[in-house]
Amino acid sequence: ACRVPDAVVATGGGTMLDAENRRRLAAAGPIVCLAAPAEEILRRV
């Protein structure tokens, strides 16, 4: 994903748990975390 120039990249929910992924993604561009309360997530899933 980081090899594709200028991309908008959606990660999986646990992608950032891996230090290598965090480093690579942080170097690629700004990271925007989309958040919601647990009850809202339960409703959505």
PDB file of all heavy atoms in Angstrom:
ATOM      1  N   ALA A   1       0.827  -1.209   0.000  1.00  0.00           N
ATOM      2  CA  ALA A   1       0.000   0.000   0.000  1.00  0.00           C
ATOM      3  C   ALA A   1       0.861   1.259   0.000  1.00  0.00           C
ATOM      4  O   ALA A   1       0.542   2.238  -0.681  1.00  0.00           O
ATOM      5  CB  ALA A   1      -0.935  -0.009   1.203  1.00  0.00           C
ATOM      6  N   CYS A   2       1.939   1.234   0.742  1.00  0.00           N
ATOM      7  CA  CYS A   2       2.805   2.411   0.831  1.00  0.00           C
ATOM      8  C   CYS A   2       3.591   2.656  -0.452  1.00  0.00           C
ATOM      9  O   CYS A   2       4.105   3.759  -0.657  1.00  0.00           O
ATOM     10  CB  CYS A   2       3.744   2.291   2.035  1.00  0.00           C
ATOM     11  SG  CYS A   2       2.883   2.483   3.610  1.00  0.00           S
ATOM     12  N   ARG A   3       3.651   1.679  -1.312  1.00  0.00           N
ATOM     13  CA  ARG A   3       4.339   1.839  -2.603  1.00  0.00           C
ATOM     14  C   ARG A   3       3.484   2.566  -3.636  1.00  0.00           C
ATOM     15  O   ARG A   3       4.003   3.035  -4.644  1.00  0.00           O
ATOM     16  CB  ARG A   3       4.742   0.473  -3.163  1.00  0.00           C
ATOM     17  CG  ARG A   3       5.890  -0.151  -2.428  1.00  0.00           C
ATOM     18  CD  ARG A   3       6.318  -1.437  -3.106  1.00  0.00           C
ATOM     19  NE  ARG A   3       7.402  -2.053  -2.368  1.00  0.00           N
ATOM     20  CZ  ARG A   3       7.541  -3.351  -2.193  1.00  0.00           C
ATOM     21  NH1 ARG A   3       6.672  -4.195  -2.726  1.00  0.00           N
ATOM     22  NH2 ARG A   3       8.550  -3.826  -1.488  1.00  0.00           N
ATOM     23  N   VAL A   4       2.181   2.630  -3.418  1.00  0.00           N
ATOM     24  CA  VAL A   4       1.287   3.300  -4.362  1.00  0.00           C
ATOM     25  C   VAL A   4       1.361   4.808  -4.082  1.00  0.00           C
ATOM     26  O   VAL A   4       0.994   5.256  -3.002  1.00  0.00           O
ATOM     27  CB  VAL A   4      -0.165   2.789  -4.221  1.00  0.00           C
ATOM     28  CG1 VAL A   4      -1.092   3.534  -5.176  1.00  0.00           C
ATOM     29  CG2 VAL A   4      -0.231   1.291  -4.451  1.00  0.00           C
ATOM     30  N   PRO A   5       1.833   5.589  -5.038  1.00  0.00           N
ATOM     31  CA  PRO A   5       2.014   7.026  -4.789  1.00  0.00           C
ATOM     32  C   PRO A   5       0.703   7.741  -4.451  1.00  0.00           C
ATOM     33  O   PRO A   5      -0.335   7.486  -5.065  1.00  0.00           O
ATOM     34  CB  PRO A   5       2.579   7.557  -6.114  1.00  0.00           C
ATOM     35  CG  PRO A   5       3.105   6.360  -6.831  1.00  0.00           C
ATOM     36  CD  PRO A   5       2.280   5.200  -6.371  1.00  0.00           C
ATOM     37  N   ASP A   6       0.778   8.607  -3.447  1.00  0.00           N
ATOM     38  CA  ASP A   6      -0.319   9.524  -3.093  1.00  0.00           C
ATOM     39  C   ASP A   6      -1.636   8.843  -2.731  1.00  0.00           C
ATOM     40  O   ASP A   6      -2.703   9.429  -2.893  1.00  0.00           O
ATOM     41  CB  ASP A   6      -0.579  10.519  -4.229  1.00  0.00           C
ATOM     42  CG  ASP A   6       0.654  11.295  -4.621  1.00  0.00           C
ATOM     43  OD1 ASP A   6       1.480  11.577  -3.745  1.00  0.00           O
ATOM     44  OD2 ASP A   6       0.791  11.616  -5.817  1.00  0.00           O
ATOM     45  N   ALA A   7      -1.595   7.633  -2.247  1.00  0.00           N
ATOM     46  CA  ALA A   7      -2.828   6.879  -1.987  1.00  0.00           C
ATOM     47  C   ALA A   7      -3.500   7.288  -0.687  1.00  0.00           C
ATOM     48  O   ALA A   7      -2.870   7.773   0.252  1.00  0.00           O
ATOM     49  CB  ALA A   7      -2.519   5.386  -1.951  1.00  0.00           C
ATOM     50  N   VAL A   8      -4.799   7.064  -0.656  1.00  0.00           N
ATOM     51  CA  VAL A   8      -5.563   7.057   0.591  1.00  0.00           C
ATOM     52  C   VAL A   8      -5.624   5.593   0.996  1.00  0.00           C
ATOM     53  O   VAL A   8      -6.073   4.746   0.219  1.00  0.00           O
ATOM     54  CB  VAL A   8      -6.980   7.634   0.401  1.00  0.00           C
ATOM     55  CG1 VAL A   8      -7.802   7.489   1.667  1.00  0.00           C
ATOM     56  CG2 VAL A   8      -6.899   9.108  -0.036  1.00  0.00           C
ATOM     57  N   VAL A   9      -5.146   5.288   2.201  1.00  0.00           N
ATOM     58  CA  VAL A   9      -5.007   3.904   2.645  1.00  0.00           C
ATOM     59  C   VAL A   9      -5.893   3.662   3.859  1.00  0.00           C
ATOM     60  O   VAL A   9      -5.778   4.361   4.866  1.00  0.00           O
ATOM     61  CB  VAL A   9      -3.539   3.588   3.006  1.00  0.00           C
ATOM     62  CG1 VAL A   9      -3.398   2.157   3.518  1.00  0.00           C
ATOM     63  CG2 VAL A   9      -2.617   3.833   1.822  1.00  0.00           C
ATOM     64  N   ALA A  10      -6.777   2.666   3.764  1.00  0.00           N
ATOM     65  CA  ALA A  10      -7.587   2.241   4.912  1.00  0.00           C
ATOM     66  C   ALA A  10      -6.940   0.987   5.488  1.00  0.00           C
ATOM     67  O   ALA A  10      -6.738  -0.003   4.784  1.00  0.00           O
ATOM     68  CB  ALA A  10      -9.020   1.936   4.485  1.00  0.00           C
ATOM     69  N   THR A  11      -6.582   1.054   6.763  1.00  0.00           N
ATOM     70  CA  THR A  11      -5.964  -0.093   7.419  1.00  0.00           C
ATOM     71  C   THR A  11      -7.037  -0.954   8.077  1.00  0.00           C
ATOM     72  O   THR A  11      -8.171  -0.520   8.237  1.00  0.00           O
ATOM     73  CB  THR A  11      -4.972   0.358   8.510  1.00  0.00           C
ATOM     74  OG1 THR A  11      -5.697   0.943   9.592  1.00  0.00           O
ATOM     75  CG2 THR A  11      -3.949   1.340   7.965  1.00  0.00           C
ATOM     76  N   GLY A  12      -6.637  -2.147   8.476  1.00  0.00           N
ATOM     77  CA  GLY A  12      -7.507  -2.965   9.308  1.00  0.00           C
ATOM     78  C   GLY A  12      -7.474  -2.415  10.728  1.00  0.00           C
ATOM     79  O   GLY A  12      -6.579  -1.640  11.091  1.00  0.00           O
ATOM     80  N   GLY A  13      -8.424  -2.822  11.533  1.00  0.00           N
ATOM     81  CA  GLY A  13      -8.527  -2.307  12.900  1.00  0.00           C
ATOM     82  C   GLY A  13      -7.329  -2.584  13.776  1.00  0.00           C
ATOM     83  O   GLY A  13      -7.024  -1.820  14.687  1.00  0.00           O
ATOM     84  N   GLY A  14      -6.596  -3.666  13.503  1.00  0.00           N
ATOM     85  CA  GLY A  14      -5.443  -4.008  14.319  1.00  0.00           C
ATOM     86  C   GLY A  14      -4.099  -3.751  13.657  1.00  0.00           C
ATOM     87  O   GLY A  14      -3.054  -4.065  14.223  1.00  0.00           O
ATOM     88  N   THR A  15      -4.104  -3.162  12.484  1.00  0.00           N
ATOM     89  CA  THR A  15      -2.865  -2.940  11.738  1.00  0.00           C
ATOM     90  C   THR A  15      -1.835  -2.168  12.539  1.00  0.00           C
ATOM     91  O   THR A  15      -0.643  -2.473  12.509  1.00  0.00           O
ATOM     92  CB  THR A  15      -3.162  -2.192  10.417  1.00  0.00           C
ATOM     93  OG1 THR A  15      -4.117  -2.932   9.664  1.00  0.00           O
ATOM     94  CG2 THR A  15      -1.910  -1.986   9.590  1.00  0.00           C
ATOM     95  N   MET A  16      -2.287  -1.179  13.282  1.00  0.00           N
ATOM     96  CA  MET A  16      -1.366  -0.298  14.001  1.00  0.00           C
ATOM     97  C   MET A  16      -0.757  -0.959  15.240  1.00  0.00           C
ATOM     98  O   MET A  16       0.139  -0.396  15.858  1.00  0.00           O
ATOM     99  CB  MET A  16      -2.069   0.996  14.393  1.00  0.00           C
ATOM    100  CG  MET A  16      -2.529   1.835  13.211  1.00  0.00           C
ATOM    101  SD  MET A  16      -1.181   2.526  12.250  1.00  0.00           S
ATOM    102  CE  MET A  16      -0.644   3.803  13.369  1.00  0.00           C
ATOM    103  N   LEU A  17      -1.214  -2.147  15.603  1.00  0.00           N
ATOM    104  CA  LEU A  17      -0.619  -2.849  16.750  1.00  0.00           C
ATOM    105  C   LEU A  17       0.816  -3.275  16.463  1.00  0.00           C
ATOM    106  O   LEU A  17       1.618  -3.416  17.381  1.00  0.00           O
ATOM    107  CB  LEU A  17      -1.453  -4.079  17.119  1.00  0.00           C
ATOM    108  CG  LEU A  17      -2.854  -3.791  17.658  1.00  0.00           C
ATOM    109  CD1 LEU A  17      -3.650  -5.089  17.776  1.00  0.00           C
ATOM    110  CD2 LEU A  17      -2.783  -3.070  18.993  1.00  0.00           C
ATOM    111  N   ASP A  18       1.141  -3.446  15.211  1.00  0.00           N
ATOM    112  CA  ASP A  18       2.472  -3.889  14.799  1.00  0.00           C
ATOM    113  C   ASP A  18       3.389  -2.671  14.655  1.00  0.00           C
ATOM    114  O   ASP A  18       3.095  -1.739  13.898  1.00  0.00           O
ATOM    115  CB  ASP A  18       2.364  -4.628  13.464  1.00  0.00           C
ATOM    116  CG  ASP A  18       3.696  -5.140  12.971  1.00  0.00           C
ATOM    117  OD1 ASP A  18       4.064  -6.257  13.364  1.00  0.00           O
ATOM    118  OD2 ASP A  18       4.365  -4.408  12.210  1.00  0.00           O
ATOM    119  N   ALA A  19       4.515  -2.680  15.374  1.00  0.00           N
ATOM    120  CA  ALA A  19       5.440  -1.540  15.377  1.00  0.00           C
ATOM    121  C   ALA A  19       5.979  -1.234  13.982  1.00  0.00           C
ATOM    122  O   ALA A  19       6.137  -0.064  13.615  1.00  0.00           O
ATOM    123  CB  ALA A  19       6.585  -1.795  16.354  1.00  0.00           C
ATOM    124  N   GLU A  20       6.263  -2.262  13.204  1.00  0.00           N
ATOM    125  CA  GLU A  20       6.758  -2.056  11.835  1.00  0.00           C
ATOM    126  C   GLU A  20       5.706  -1.354  10.986  1.00  0.00           C
ATOM    127  O   GLU A  20       6.017  -0.431  10.221  1.00  0.00           O
ATOM    128  CB  GLU A  20       7.136  -3.397  11.222  1.00  0.00           C
ATOM    129  CG  GLU A  20       7.714  -3.298   9.824  1.00  0.00           C
ATOM    130  CD  GLU A  20       8.053  -4.666   9.245  1.00  0.00           C
ATOM    131  OE1 GLU A  20       8.465  -5.559  10.009  1.00  0.00           O
ATOM    132  OE2 GLU A  20       7.900  -4.828   8.026  1.00  0.00           O
ATOM    133  N   ASN A  21       4.448  -1.788  11.112  1.00  0.00           N
ATOM    134  CA  ASN A  21       3.364  -1.122  10.381  1.00  0.00           C
ATOM    135  C   ASN A  21       3.234   0.335  10.809  1.00  0.00           C
ATOM    136  O   ASN A  21       3.063   1.220   9.963  1.00  0.00           O
ATOM    137  CB  ASN A  21       2.030  -1.845  10.607  1.00  0.00           C
ATOM    138  CG  ASN A  21       1.950  -3.174   9.904  1.00  0.00           C
ATOM    139  OD1 ASN A  21       2.699  -3.459   8.980  1.00  0.00           O
ATOM    140  ND2 ASN A  21       1.028  -4.011  10.360  1.00  0.00           N
ATOM    141  N   ARG A  22       3.292   0.589  12.113  1.00  0.00           N
ATOM    142  CA  ARG A  22       3.171   1.970  12.611  1.00  0.00           C
ATOM    143  C   ARG A  22       4.276   2.844  12.023  1.00  0.00           C
ATOM    144  O   ARG A  22       4.015   3.953  11.560  1.00  0.00           O
ATOM    145  CB  ARG A  22       3.244   2.023  14.139  1.00  0.00           C
ATOM    146  CG  ARG A  22       2.004   1.570  14.833  1.00  0.00           C
ATOM    147  CD  ARG A  22       1.992   1.959  16.302  1.00  0.00           C
ATOM    148  NE  ARG A  22       3.172   1.570  17.052  1.00  0.00           N
ATOM    149  CZ  ARG A  22       3.344   0.391  17.644  1.00  0.00           C
ATOM    150  NH1 ARG A  22       2.397  -0.538  17.561  1.00  0.00           N
ATOM    151  NH2 ARG A  22       4.435   0.125  18.333  1.00  0.00           N
ATOM    152  N   ARG A  23       5.496   2.359  12.051  1.00  0.00           N
ATOM    153  CA  ARG A  23       6.624   3.128  11.534  1.00  0.00           C
ATOM    154  C   ARG A  23       6.442   3.420  10.048  1.00  0.00           C
ATOM    155  O   ARG A  23       6.581   4.556   9.594  1.00  0.00           O
ATOM    156  CB  ARG A  23       7.921   2.360  11.774  1.00  0.00           C
ATOM    157  CG  ARG A  23       9.171   3.101  11.272  1.00  0.00           C
ATOM    158  CD  ARG A  23      10.399   2.209  11.235  1.00  0.00           C
ATOM    159  NE  ARG A  23      10.251   1.014  10.422  1.00  0.00           N
ATOM    160  CZ  ARG A  23      10.242   0.989   9.084  1.00  0.00           C
ATOM    161  NH1 ARG A  23      10.343   2.095   8.394  1.00  0.00           N
ATOM    162  NH2 ARG A  23      10.108  -0.159   8.441  1.00  0.00           N
ATOM    163  N   ARG A  24       6.113   2.399   9.287  1.00  0.00           N
ATOM    164  CA  ARG A  24       5.977   2.549   7.836  1.00  0.00           C
ATOM    165  C   ARG A  24       4.822   3.503   7.492  1.00  0.00           C
ATOM    166  O   ARG A  24       4.968   4.376   6.636  1.00  0.00           O
ATOM    167  CB  ARG A  24       5.739   1.176   7.197  1.00  0.00           C
ATOM    168  CG  ARG A  24       5.807   1.199   5.687  1.00  0.00           C
ATOM    169  CD  ARG A  24       5.703  -0.187   5.097  1.00  0.00           C
ATOM    170  NE  ARG A  24       6.632  -1.152   5.623  1.00  0.00           N
ATOM    171  CZ  ARG A  24       7.925  -1.256   5.281  1.00  0.00           C
ATOM    172  NH1 ARG A  24       8.431  -0.427   4.418  1.00  0.00           N
ATOM    173  NH2 ARG A  24       8.680  -2.185   5.812  1.00  0.00           N
ATOM    174  N   LEU A  25       3.692   3.343   8.157  1.00  0.00           N
ATOM    175  CA  LEU A  25       2.532   4.189   7.862  1.00  0.00           C
ATOM    176  C   LEU A  25       2.769   5.631   8.303  1.00  0.00           C
ATOM    177  O   LEU A  25       2.396   6.572   7.596  1.00  0.00           O
ATOM    178  CB  LEU A  25       1.278   3.600   8.512  1.00  0.00           C
ATOM    179  CG  LEU A  25       0.810   2.278   7.889  1.00  0.00           C
ATOM    180  CD1 LEU A  25      -0.227   1.601   8.775  1.00  0.00           C
ATOM    181  CD2 LEU A  25       0.289   2.482   6.474  1.00  0.00           C
ATOM    182  N   ALA A  26       3.397   5.829   9.455  1.00  0.00           N
ATOM    183  CA  ALA A  26       3.686   7.185   9.927  1.00  0.00           C
ATOM    184  C   ALA A  26       4.634   7.901   8.964  1.00  0.00           C
ATOM    185  O   ALA A  26       4.510   9.118   8.753  1.00  0.00           O
ATOM    186  CB  ALA A  26       4.276   7.148  11.331  1.00  0.00           C
ATOM    187  N   ALA A  27       5.555   7.163   8.368  1.00  0.00           N
ATOM    188  CA  ALA A  27       6.483   7.751   7.399  1.00  0.00           C
ATOM    189  C   ALA A  27       5.778   8.088   6.086  1.00  0.00           C
ATOM    190  O   ALA A  27       6.239   8.954   5.341  1.00  0.00           O
ATOM    191  CB  ALA A  27       7.651   6.799   7.146  1.00  0.00           C
ATOM    192  N   ALA A  28       4.657   7.415   5.804  1.00  0.00           N
ATOM    193  CA  ALA A  28       3.953   7.605   4.535  1.00  0.00           C
ATOM    194  C   ALA A  28       3.092   8.860   4.505  1.00  0.00           C
ATOM    195  O   ALA A  28       2.865   9.433   3.439  1.00  0.00           O
ATOM    196  CB  ALA A  28       3.091   6.380   4.231  1.00  0.00           C
ATOM    197  N   GLY A  29       2.577   9.289   5.669  1.00  0.00           N
ATOM    198  CA  GLY A  29       1.711  10.466   5.686  1.00  0.00           C
ATOM    199  C   GLY A  29       0.929  10.553   6.967  1.00  0.00           C
ATOM    200  O   GLY A  29       1.098   9.732   7.876  1.00  0.00           O
ATOM    201  N   PRO A  30       0.051  11.554   7.053  1.00  0.00           N
ATOM    202  CA  PRO A  30      -0.739  11.718   8.275  1.00  0.00           C
ATOM    203  C   PRO A  30      -1.657  10.517   8.497  1.00  0.00           C
ATOM    204  O   PRO A  30      -2.202   9.954   7.551  1.00  0.00           O
ATOM    205  CB  PRO A  30      -1.539  12.990   8.035  1.00  0.00           C
ATOM    206  CG  PRO A  30      -1.581  13.148   6.553  1.00  0.00           C
ATOM    207  CD  PRO A  30      -0.308  12.533   6.032  1.00  0.00           C
ATOM    208  N   ILE A  31      -1.802  10.151   9.769  1.00  0.00           N
ATOM    209  CA  ILE A  31      -2.668   9.040  10.147  1.00  0.00           C
ATOM    210  C   ILE A  31      -3.882   9.617  10.849  1.00  0.00           C
ATOM    211  O   ILE A  31      -3.750  10.307  11.864  1.00  0.00           O
ATOM    212  CB  ILE A  31      -1.937   8.049  11.066  1.00  0.00           C
ATOM    213  CG1 ILE A  31      -0.710   7.466  10.341  1.00  0.00           C
ATOM    214  CG2 ILE A  31      -2.886   6.938  11.523  1.00  0.00           C
ATOM    215  CD1 ILE A  31       0.180   6.616  11.224  1.00  0.00           C
ATOM    216  N   VAL A  32      -5.055   9.329  10.316  1.00  0.00           N
ATOM    217  CA  VAL A  32      -6.309   9.801  10.897  1.00  0.00           C
ATOM    218  C   VAL A  32      -7.024   8.594  11.487  1.00  0.00           C
ATOM    219  O   VAL A  32      -7.345   7.641  10.779  1.00  0.00           O
ATOM    220  CB  VAL A  32      -7.208  10.484   9.850  1.00  0.00           C
ATOM    221  CG1 VAL A  32      -8.501  10.967  10.496  1.00  0.00           C
ATOM    222  CG2 VAL A  32      -6.466  11.648   9.182  1.00  0.00           C
ATOM    223  N   CYS A  33      -7.253   8.647  12.793  1.00  0.00           N
ATOM    224  CA  CYS A  33      -7.968   7.579  13.482  1.00  0.00           C
ATOM    225  C   CYS A  33      -9.456   7.907  13.503  1.00  0.00           C
ATOM    226  O   CYS A  33      -9.856   8.959  14.010  1.00  0.00           O
ATOM    227  CB  CYS A  33      -7.433   7.430  14.909  1.00  0.00           C
ATOM    228  SG  CYS A  33      -8.251   6.100  15.817  1.00  0.00           S
ATOM    229  N   LEU A  34     -10.261   7.014  12.951  1.00  0.00           N
ATOM    230  CA  LEU A  34     -11.715   7.152  13.026  1.00  0.00           C
ATOM    231  C   LEU A  34     -12.164   6.400  14.264  1.00  0.00           C
ATOM    232  O   LEU A  34     -11.809   5.237  14.453  1.00  0.00           O
ATOM    233  CB  LEU A  34     -12.367   6.586  11.763  1.00  0.00           C
ATOM    234  CG  LEU A  34     -11.917   7.220  10.448  1.00  0.00           C
ATOM    235  CD1 LEU A  34     -12.711   6.636   9.280  1.00  0.00           C
ATOM    236  CD2 LEU A  34     -12.029   8.738  10.476  1.00  0.00           C
ATOM    237  N   ALA A  35     -12.915   7.077  15.114  1.00  0.00           N
ATOM    238  CA  ALA A  35     -13.300   6.522  16.409  1.00  0.00           C
ATOM    239  C   ALA A  35     -14.814   6.528  16.579  1.00  0.00           C
ATOM    240  O   ALA A  35     -15.528   7.288  15.920  1.00  0.00           O
ATOM    241  CB  ALA A  35     -12.644   7.344  17.527  1.00  0.00           C
ATOM    242  N   ALA A  36     -15.274   5.682  17.489  1.00  0.00           N
ATOM    243  CA  ALA A  36     -16.685   5.628  17.874  1.00  0.00           C
ATOM    244  C   ALA A  36     -16.764   4.909  19.215  1.00  0.00           C
ATOM    245  O   ALA A  36     -15.911   4.076  19.521  1.00  0.00           O
ATOM    246  CB  ALA A  36     -17.524   4.900  16.824  1.00  0.00           C
ATOM    247  N   PRO A  37     -17.789   5.215  20.010  1.00  0.00           N
ATOM    248  CA  PRO A  37     -17.961   4.498  21.276  1.00  0.00           C
ATOM    249  C   PRO A  37     -18.297   3.026  21.041  1.00  0.00           C
ATOM    250  O   PRO A  37     -18.830   2.653  19.988  1.00  0.00           O
ATOM    251  CB  PRO A  37     -19.148   5.214  21.932  1.00  0.00           C
ATOM    252  CG  PRO A  37     -19.368   6.469  21.167  1.00  0.00           C
ATOM    253  CD  PRO A  37     -18.778   6.261  19.809  1.00  0.00           C
ATOM    254  N   ALA A  38     -17.991   2.198  22.018  1.00  0.00           N
ATOM    255  CA  ALA A  38     -18.220   0.756  21.914  1.00  0.00           C
ATOM    256  C   ALA A  38     -19.666   0.422  21.555  1.00  0.00           C
ATOM    257  O   ALA A  38     -19.913  -0.469  20.732  1.00  0.00           O
ATOM    258  CB  ALA A  38     -17.824   0.067  23.222  1.00  0.00           C
ATOM    259  N   GLU A  39     -20.617   1.115  22.142  1.00  0.00           N
ATOM    260  CA  GLU A  39     -22.031   0.839  21.871  1.00  0.00           C
ATOM    261  C   GLU A  39     -22.380   1.123  20.406  1.00  0.00           C
ATOM    262  O   GLU A  39     -23.164   0.401  19.790  1.00  0.00           O
ATOM    263  CB  GLU A  39     -22.928   1.659  22.800  1.00  0.00           C
ATOM    264  CG  GLU A  39     -22.792   1.310  24.272  1.00  0.00           C
ATOM    265  CD  GLU A  39     -21.529   1.897  24.938  1.00  0.00           C
ATOM    266  OE1 GLU A  39     -20.847   2.766  24.341  1.00  0.00           O
ATOM    267  OE2 GLU A  39     -21.226   1.464  26.059  1.00  0.00           O
ATOM    268  N   GLU A  40     -21.807   2.182  19.853  1.00  0.00           N
ATOM    269  CA  GLU A  40     -22.034   2.523  18.450  1.00  0.00           C
ATOM    270  C   GLU A  40     -21.403   1.467  17.544  1.00  0.00           C
ATOM    271  O   GLU A  40     -21.993   1.056  16.541  1.00  0.00           O
ATOM    272  CB  GLU A  40     -21.448   3.904  18.144  1.00  0.00           C
ATOM    273  CG  GLU A  40     -21.544   4.333  16.695  1.00  0.00           C
ATOM    274  CD  GLU A  40     -22.930   4.745  16.251  1.00  0.00           C
ATOM    275  OE1 GLU A  40     -23.858   4.801  17.078  1.00  0.00           O
ATOM    276  OE2 GLU A  40     -23.098   4.993  15.052  1.00  0.00           O
ATOM    277  N   ILE A  41     -20.221   1.007  17.890  1.00  0.00           N
ATOM    278  CA  ILE A  41     -19.548  -0.039  17.112  1.00  0.00           C
ATOM    279  C   ILE A  41     -20.390  -1.307  17.130  1.00  0.00           C
ATOM    280  O   ILE A  41     -20.610  -1.931  16.082  1.00  0.00           O
ATOM    281  CB  ILE A  41     -18.131  -0.285  17.652  1.00  0.00           C
ATOM    282  CG1 ILE A  41     -17.245   0.936  17.331  1.00  0.00           C
ATOM    283  CG2 ILE A  41     -17.542  -1.568  17.077  1.00  0.00           C
ATOM    284  CD1 ILE A  41     -15.923   0.967  18.058  1.00  0.00           C
ATOM    285  N   LEU A  42     -20.892  -1.695  18.301  1.00  0.00           N
ATOM    286  CA  LEU A  42     -21.738  -2.887  18.399  1.00  0.00           C
ATOM    287  C   LEU A  42     -22.966  -2.744  17.504  1.00  0.00           C
ATOM    288  O   LEU A  42     -23.335  -3.677  16.783  1.00  0.00           O
ATOM    289  CB  LEU A  42     -22.167  -3.134  19.846  1.00  0.00           C
ATOM    290  CG  LEU A  42     -23.105  -4.327  20.055  1.00  0.00           C
ATOM    291  CD1 LEU A  42     -22.438  -5.632  19.663  1.00  0.00           C
ATOM    292  CD2 LEU A  42     -23.576  -4.372  21.506  1.00  0.00           C
ATOM    293  N   ARG A  43     -23.583  -1.585  17.522  1.00  0.00           N
ATOM    294  CA  ARG A  43     -24.762  -1.348  16.686  1.00  0.00           C
ATOM    295  C   ARG A  43     -24.401  -1.500  15.208  1.00  0.00           C
ATOM    296  O   ARG A  43     -25.131  -2.111  14.432  1.00  0.00           O
ATOM    297  CB  ARG A  43     -25.333   0.046  16.952  1.00  0.00           C
ATOM    298  CG  ARG A  43     -26.634   0.327  16.206  1.00  0.00           C
ATOM    299  CD  ARG A  43     -27.095   1.765  16.361  1.00  0.00           C
ATOM    300  NE  ARG A  43     -26.219   2.730  15.739  1.00  0.00           N
ATOM    301  CZ  ARG A  43     -26.084   2.915  14.420  1.00  0.00           C
ATOM    302  NH1 ARG A  43     -26.759   2.168  13.571  1.00  0.00           N
ATOM    303  NH2 ARG A  43     -25.276   3.843  13.929  1.00  0.00           N
ATOM    304  N   ARG A  44     -23.242  -0.988  14.823  1.00  0.00           N
ATOM    305  CA  ARG A  44     -22.828  -1.040  13.424  1.00  0.00           C
ATOM    306  C   ARG A  44     -22.467  -2.454  12.965  1.00  0.00           C
ATOM    307  O   ARG A  44     -22.775  -2.829  11.839  1.00  0.00           O
ATOM    308  CB  ARG A  44     -21.634  -0.115  13.180  1.00  0.00           C
ATOM    309  CG  ARG A  44     -21.985   1.354  13.281  1.00  0.00           C
ATOM    310  CD  ARG A  44     -20.754   2.218  13.112  1.00  0.00           C
ATOM    311  NE  ARG A  44     -21.034   3.622  13.311  1.00  0.00           N
ATOM    312  CZ  ARG A  44     -20.116   4.574  13.281  1.00  0.00           C
ATOM    313  NH1 ARG A  44     -18.841   4.259  13.038  1.00  0.00           N
ATOM    314  NH2 ARG A  44     -20.449   5.827  13.484  1.00  0.00           N
ATOM    315  N   VAL A  45     -21.790  -3.230  13.806  1.00  0.00           N
ATOM    316  CA  VAL A  45     -21.409  -4.583  13.379  1.00  0.00           C
ATOM    317  C   VAL A  45     -22.576  -5.540  13.470  1.00  0.00           C
ATOM    318  O   VAL A  45     -22.610  -6.539  12.761  1.00  0.00           O
ATOM    319  CB  VAL A  45     -20.194  -5.160  14.153  1.00  0.00           C
ATOM    320  CG1 VAL A  45     -18.963  -4.318  13.941  1.00  0.00           C
ATOM    321  CG2 VAL A  45     -20.476  -5.368  15.612  1.00  0.00           C
TER     322      VAL A  45
END
